[in-house]
Structures are given as C-alpha cells and as structure tokens.
Amino acid sequence: MPTSICPECSEEVYVDAEIEQGDVASCDECGSRLVVVGLDPIELDKKEESEDDAYGGSDDFGSYDFDDDRY
C-alpha cells in the first residue's frame, strides 16, 4: 500500500493504490484531511476547509420572496 507523509504531524499516511490527484485522504494520527497534490511520489497537502465543509454542507435555501404585507 502506498504511503506519504502528513504535512501536519509528519506521520506516515497510507493511501489507496488507485488514488488520483485531487482525491482526499485523512491522517489516522492527527485526523487532518489531506488532498493528493502529486502522484510520483505521492504528495499530500492540508485540505483547505470551505465554509460548506465546516458546517456540514451548504445552506442552499434558494431564493424566497418574503411578503411583508402578511405581518
């Protein structure tokens, strides 16, 4: 199984043999989410957390016309 080094804690991270650039892996030691930025050798970088990731998804409320006359 291929390995790389976690950029956060410097521990060895095992990745799937069929991993592709842009895939996300996680470090078992520190729990960091890591994105594959290189394949030969496998290079990992800390995944930037988007607002959607931090709160478990987008709010996607869409648009709603609020009728002020009702209140």
C-alpha atoms as a PDB file:
ATOM      1  CA  MET A   1       0.000   0.000   0.000  1.00  0.00           C
ATOM      2  CA  PRO A   2       1.467   3.396  -0.994  1.00  0.00           C
ATOM      3  CA  THR A   3       2.366   5.883   1.716  1.00  0.00           C
ATOM      4  CA  SER A   4       3.145   9.547   2.102  1.00  0.00           C
ATOM      5  CA  ILE A   5       3.896  11.886   4.982  1.00  0.00           C
ATOM      6  CA  CYS A   6       1.270  14.012   6.716  1.00  0.00           C
ATOM      7  CA  PRO A   7       2.229  17.700   6.357  1.00  0.00           C
ATOM      8  CA  GLU A   8       0.630  18.430   9.751  1.00  0.00           C
ATOM      9  CA  CYS A   9       2.128  15.813  12.085  1.00  0.00           C
ATOM     10  CA  SER A  10       4.831  14.151   9.910  1.00  0.00           C
ATOM     11  CA  GLU A  11       3.375  10.667  10.439  1.00  0.00           C
ATOM     12  CA  GLU A  12       3.130   8.112   7.656  1.00  0.00           C
ATOM     13  CA  VAL A  13      -0.220   8.128   5.813  1.00  0.00           C
ATOM     14  CA  TYR A  14      -1.383   5.040   3.933  1.00  0.00           C
ATOM     15  CA  VAL A  15      -3.318   5.769   0.750  1.00  0.00           C
ATOM     16  CA  ASP A  16      -5.286   3.601  -1.666  1.00  0.00           C
ATOM     17  CA  ALA A  17      -3.204   2.154  -4.515  1.00  0.00           C
ATOM     18  CA  GLU A  18      -5.601   3.692  -7.046  1.00  0.00           C
ATOM     19  CA  ILE A  19      -5.629   7.185  -5.539  1.00  0.00           C
ATOM     20  CA  GLU A  20      -5.754  10.052  -8.020  1.00  0.00           C
ATOM     21  CA  GLN A  21      -4.654  13.664  -7.887  1.00  0.00           C
ATOM     22  CA  GLY A  22      -7.338  15.736  -6.151  1.00  0.00           C
ATOM     23  CA  ASP A  23      -8.589  12.826  -4.015  1.00  0.00           C
ATOM     24  CA  VAL A  24      -8.900  13.384  -0.278  1.00  0.00           C
ATOM     25  CA  ALA A  25      -7.253  11.174   2.340  1.00  0.00           C
ATOM     26  CA  SER A  26      -7.040  11.500   6.098  1.00  0.00           C
ATOM     27  CA  CYS A  27      -4.264  11.058   8.599  1.00  0.00           C
ATOM     28  CA  ASP A  28      -5.076   8.372  11.178  1.00  0.00           C
ATOM     29  CA  GLU A  29      -2.709  10.002  13.672  1.00  0.00           C
ATOM     30  CA  CYS A  30      -3.905  13.641  13.740  1.00  0.00           C
ATOM     31  CA  GLY A  31      -7.170  13.436  11.774  1.00  0.00           C
ATOM     32  CA  SER A  32      -6.167  16.041   9.187  1.00  0.00           C
ATOM     33  CA  ARG A  33      -7.987  15.947   5.860  1.00  0.00           C
ATOM     34  CA  LEU A  34      -5.381  15.851   3.113  1.00  0.00           C
ATOM     35  CA  VAL A  35      -5.620  16.358  -0.628  1.00  0.00           C
ATOM     36  CA  VAL A  36      -3.392  14.486  -3.076  1.00  0.00           C
ATOM     37  CA  VAL A  37      -1.334  17.079  -4.969  1.00  0.00           C
ATOM     38  CA  GLY A  38       1.228  14.756  -6.563  1.00  0.00           C
ATOM     39  CA  LEU A  39       1.395  11.106  -7.567  1.00  0.00           C
ATOM     40  CA  ASP A  40       5.045  10.196  -8.174  1.00  0.00           C
ATOM     41  CA  PRO A  41       5.938  10.388  -5.357  1.00  0.00           C
ATOM     42  CA  ILE A  42       2.589  10.760  -3.595  1.00  0.00           C
ATOM     43  CA  GLU A  43       2.411  14.244  -2.102  1.00  0.00           C
ATOM     44  CA  LEU A  44      -0.255  15.396   0.331  1.00  0.00           C
ATOM     45  CA  ASP A  45      -1.254  18.895   1.371  1.00  0.00           C
ATOM     46  CA  LYS A  46      -3.686  20.015   4.065  1.00  0.00           C
ATOM     47  CA  LYS A  47      -7.161  20.365   2.576  1.00  0.00           C
ATOM     48  CA  GLU A  48      -8.489  23.871   2.965  1.00  0.00           C
ATOM     49  CA  GLU A  49     -11.833  23.671   4.716  1.00  0.00           C
ATOM     50  CA  SER A  50     -14.526  25.506   2.839  1.00  0.00           C
ATOM     51  CA  GLU A  51     -17.475  27.006   4.666  1.00  0.00           C
ATOM     52  CA  ASP A  52     -19.591  24.095   3.400  1.00  0.00           C
ATOM     53  CA  ASP A  53     -17.165  21.569   4.929  1.00  0.00           C
ATOM     54  CA  ALA A  54     -17.048  23.368   8.266  1.00  0.00           C
ATOM     55  CA  TYR A  55     -20.803  23.358   8.730  1.00  0.00           C
ATOM     56  CA  GLY A  56     -21.713  20.047   7.118  1.00  0.00           C
ATOM     57  CA  GLY A  57     -22.993  21.258   3.756  1.00  0.00           C
ATOM     58  CA  SER A  58     -24.321  24.310   2.030  1.00  0.00           C
ATOM     59  CA  ASP A  59     -27.409  26.113   3.249  1.00  0.00           C
ATOM     60  CA  ASP A  60     -28.859  26.152  -0.293  1.00  0.00           C
ATOM     61  CA  PHE A  61     -32.008  27.954   0.797  1.00  0.00           C
ATOM     62  CA  GLY A  62     -32.544  29.236  -2.716  1.00  0.00           C
ATOM     63  CA  SER A  63     -34.452  32.444  -3.210  1.00  0.00           C
ATOM     64  CA  TYR A  64     -37.637  33.267  -1.403  1.00  0.00           C
ATOM     65  CA  ASP A  65     -39.765  36.348  -1.869  1.00  0.00           C
ATOM     66  CA  PHE A  66     -40.849  37.398   1.591  1.00  0.00           C
ATOM     67  CA  ASP A  67     -44.263  39.082   1.639  1.00  0.00           C
ATOM     68  CA  ASP A  68     -44.009  41.872   4.219  1.00  0.00           C
ATOM     69  CA  ASP A  69     -47.748  42.562   3.971  1.00  0.00           C
ATOM     70  CA  ARG A  70     -48.614  39.337   5.766  1.00  0.00           C
ATOM     71  CA  TYR A  71     -47.182  40.506   9.100  1.00  0.00           C
END
